[in-house]
Amino acid sequence: MNAIPKLLIVAGIALIIVGLIWAGLGRFINLGRLPGDIAVEKGNVKFYFPIVTCIVISIVLSLVAYIAKWFFK
């Protein structure tokens, strides 16, 4: 099998797994509202920047990429 179809299959399976985990743990872990995320409300203007959520997602995806590198040498 070529590298591209294998990569697409693994990416699809990974997205399904992440979606199931997110749906299951979404009740317990509020990923979009972690402590440290910036939320400003002034009058009828709301600004929200999930900086800590972005950092957590970046670390998790980096770990997944690092582990996937072992399998696709």
C-alpha atoms as a PDB file:
ATOM      1  CA  MET A   1       0.000   0.000   0.000  1.00  0.00           C
ATOM      2  CA  ASN A   2       1.259   3.488  -0.798  1.00  0.00           C
ATOM      3  CA  ALA A   3       2.061   5.967   1.939  1.00  0.00           C
ATOM      4  CA  ILE A   4      -0.796   8.406   1.198  1.00  0.00           C
ATOM      5  CA  PRO A   5      -3.693   5.907   1.499  1.00  0.00           C
ATOM      6  CA  LYS A   6      -2.166   4.514   4.683  1.00  0.00           C
ATOM      7  CA  LEU A   7      -1.837   8.033   6.093  1.00  0.00           C
ATOM      8  CA  LEU A   8      -5.457   8.848   5.209  1.00  0.00           C
ATOM      9  CA  ILE A   9      -6.726   5.668   6.826  1.00  0.00           C
ATOM     10  CA  VAL A  10      -4.769   6.310  10.028  1.00  0.00           C
ATOM     11  CA  ALA A  11      -5.874   9.974  10.082  1.00  0.00           C
ATOM     12  CA  GLY A  12      -9.511   8.916   9.676  1.00  0.00           C
ATOM     13  CA  ILE A  13      -9.275   6.369  12.468  1.00  0.00           C
ATOM     14  CA  ALA A  14      -7.533   8.936  14.684  1.00  0.00           C
ATOM     15  CA  LEU A  15     -10.302  11.482  14.036  1.00  0.00           C
ATOM     16  CA  ILE A  16     -12.967   8.927  14.907  1.00  0.00           C
ATOM     17  CA  ILE A  17     -11.161   8.020  18.143  1.00  0.00           C
ATOM     18  CA  VAL A  18     -10.697  11.681  19.092  1.00  0.00           C
ATOM     19  CA  GLY A  19     -14.361  12.372  18.349  1.00  0.00           C
ATOM     20  CA  LEU A  20     -15.517   9.492  20.528  1.00  0.00           C
ATOM     21  CA  ILE A  21     -13.215  10.506  23.363  1.00  0.00           C
ATOM     22  CA  TRP A  22     -14.320  14.128  23.075  1.00  0.00           C
ATOM     23  CA  ALA A  23     -17.994  13.117  23.131  1.00  0.00           C
ATOM     24  CA  GLY A  24     -17.474  10.815  26.105  1.00  0.00           C
ATOM     25  CA  LEU A  25     -15.276  13.088  28.189  1.00  0.00           C
ATOM     26  CA  GLY A  26     -17.001  16.291  27.123  1.00  0.00           C
ATOM     27  CA  ARG A  27     -19.390  15.929  30.011  1.00  0.00           C
ATOM     28  CA  PHE A  28     -16.557  15.845  32.543  1.00  0.00           C
ATOM     29  CA  ILE A  29     -13.821  18.018  30.989  1.00  0.00           C
ATOM     30  CA  ASN A  30     -14.906  21.371  29.621  1.00  0.00           C
ATOM     31  CA  LEU A  31     -12.102  21.670  27.060  1.00  0.00           C
ATOM     32  CA  GLY A  32     -13.163  25.038  25.681  1.00  0.00           C
ATOM     33  CA  ARG A  33     -13.251  26.730  29.091  1.00  0.00           C
ATOM     34  CA  LEU A  34     -10.040  25.810  30.879  1.00  0.00           C
ATOM     35  CA  PRO A  35      -8.557  28.004  33.612  1.00  0.00           C
ATOM     36  CA  GLY A  36      -6.227  30.481  31.958  1.00  0.00           C
ATOM     37  CA  ASP A  37      -8.364  31.026  28.870  1.00  0.00           C
ATOM     38  CA  ILE A  38      -8.912  34.723  28.272  1.00  0.00           C
ATOM     39  CA  ALA A  39     -12.513  35.934  28.464  1.00  0.00           C
ATOM     40  CA  VAL A  40     -13.395  39.638  28.469  1.00  0.00           C
ATOM     41  CA  GLU A  41     -16.921  41.029  28.616  1.00  0.00           C
ATOM     42  CA  LYS A  42     -17.537  44.769  28.397  1.00  0.00           C
ATOM     43  CA  GLY A  43     -21.050  45.901  27.810  1.00  0.00           C
ATOM     44  CA  ASN A  44     -22.480  43.934  24.926  1.00  0.00           C
ATOM     45  CA  VAL A  45     -19.045  42.982  23.521  1.00  0.00           C
ATOM     46  CA  LYS A  46     -17.556  39.584  24.364  1.00  0.00           C
ATOM     47  CA  PHE A  47     -14.020  38.475  23.527  1.00  0.00           C
ATOM     48  CA  TYR A  48     -12.850  34.937  24.178  1.00  0.00           C
ATOM     49  CA  PHE A  49      -9.407  33.513  23.379  1.00  0.00           C
ATOM     50  CA  PRO A  50      -8.788  29.922  24.533  1.00  0.00           C
ATOM     51  CA  ILE A  51      -4.995  30.184  24.944  1.00  0.00           C
ATOM     52  CA  VAL A  52      -4.632  27.316  27.450  1.00  0.00           C
ATOM     53  CA  THR A  53      -6.936  25.105  25.399  1.00  0.00           C
ATOM     54  CA  CYS A  54      -4.759  25.782  22.337  1.00  0.00           C
ATOM     55  CA  ILE A  55      -1.619  24.877  24.278  1.00  0.00           C
ATOM     56  CA  VAL A  56      -3.151  21.621  25.578  1.00  0.00           C
ATOM     57  CA  ILE A  57      -4.337  20.610  22.104  1.00  0.00           C
ATOM     58  CA  SER A  58      -0.925  21.471  20.654  1.00  0.00           C
ATOM     59  CA  ILE A  59       0.884  19.307  23.218  1.00  0.00           C
ATOM     60  CA  VAL A  60      -1.462  16.371  22.641  1.00  0.00           C
ATOM     61  CA  LEU A  61      -1.137  16.588  18.859  1.00  0.00           C
ATOM     62  CA  SER A  62       2.649  16.861  19.134  1.00  0.00           C
ATOM     63  CA  LEU A  63       2.735  13.702  21.250  1.00  0.00           C
ATOM     64  CA  VAL A  64       0.500  11.888  18.768  1.00  0.00           C
ATOM     65  CA  ALA A  65       2.753  12.954  15.881  1.00  0.00           C
ATOM     66  CA  TYR A  66       5.859  11.866  17.797  1.00  0.00           C
ATOM     67  CA  ILE A  67       4.349   8.436  18.521  1.00  0.00           C
ATOM     68  CA  ALA A  68       3.060   8.077  14.942  1.00  0.00           C
ATOM     69  CA  LYS A  69       6.584   8.727  13.682  1.00  0.00           C
ATOM     70  CA  TRP A  70       7.675   5.454  15.308  1.00  0.00           C
ATOM     71  CA  PHE A  71       5.074   3.476  13.326  1.00  0.00           C
ATOM     72  CA  PHE A  72       5.693   5.080   9.914  1.00  0.00           C
ATOM     73  CA  LYS A  73       9.449   4.932   9.512  1.00  0.00           C
END
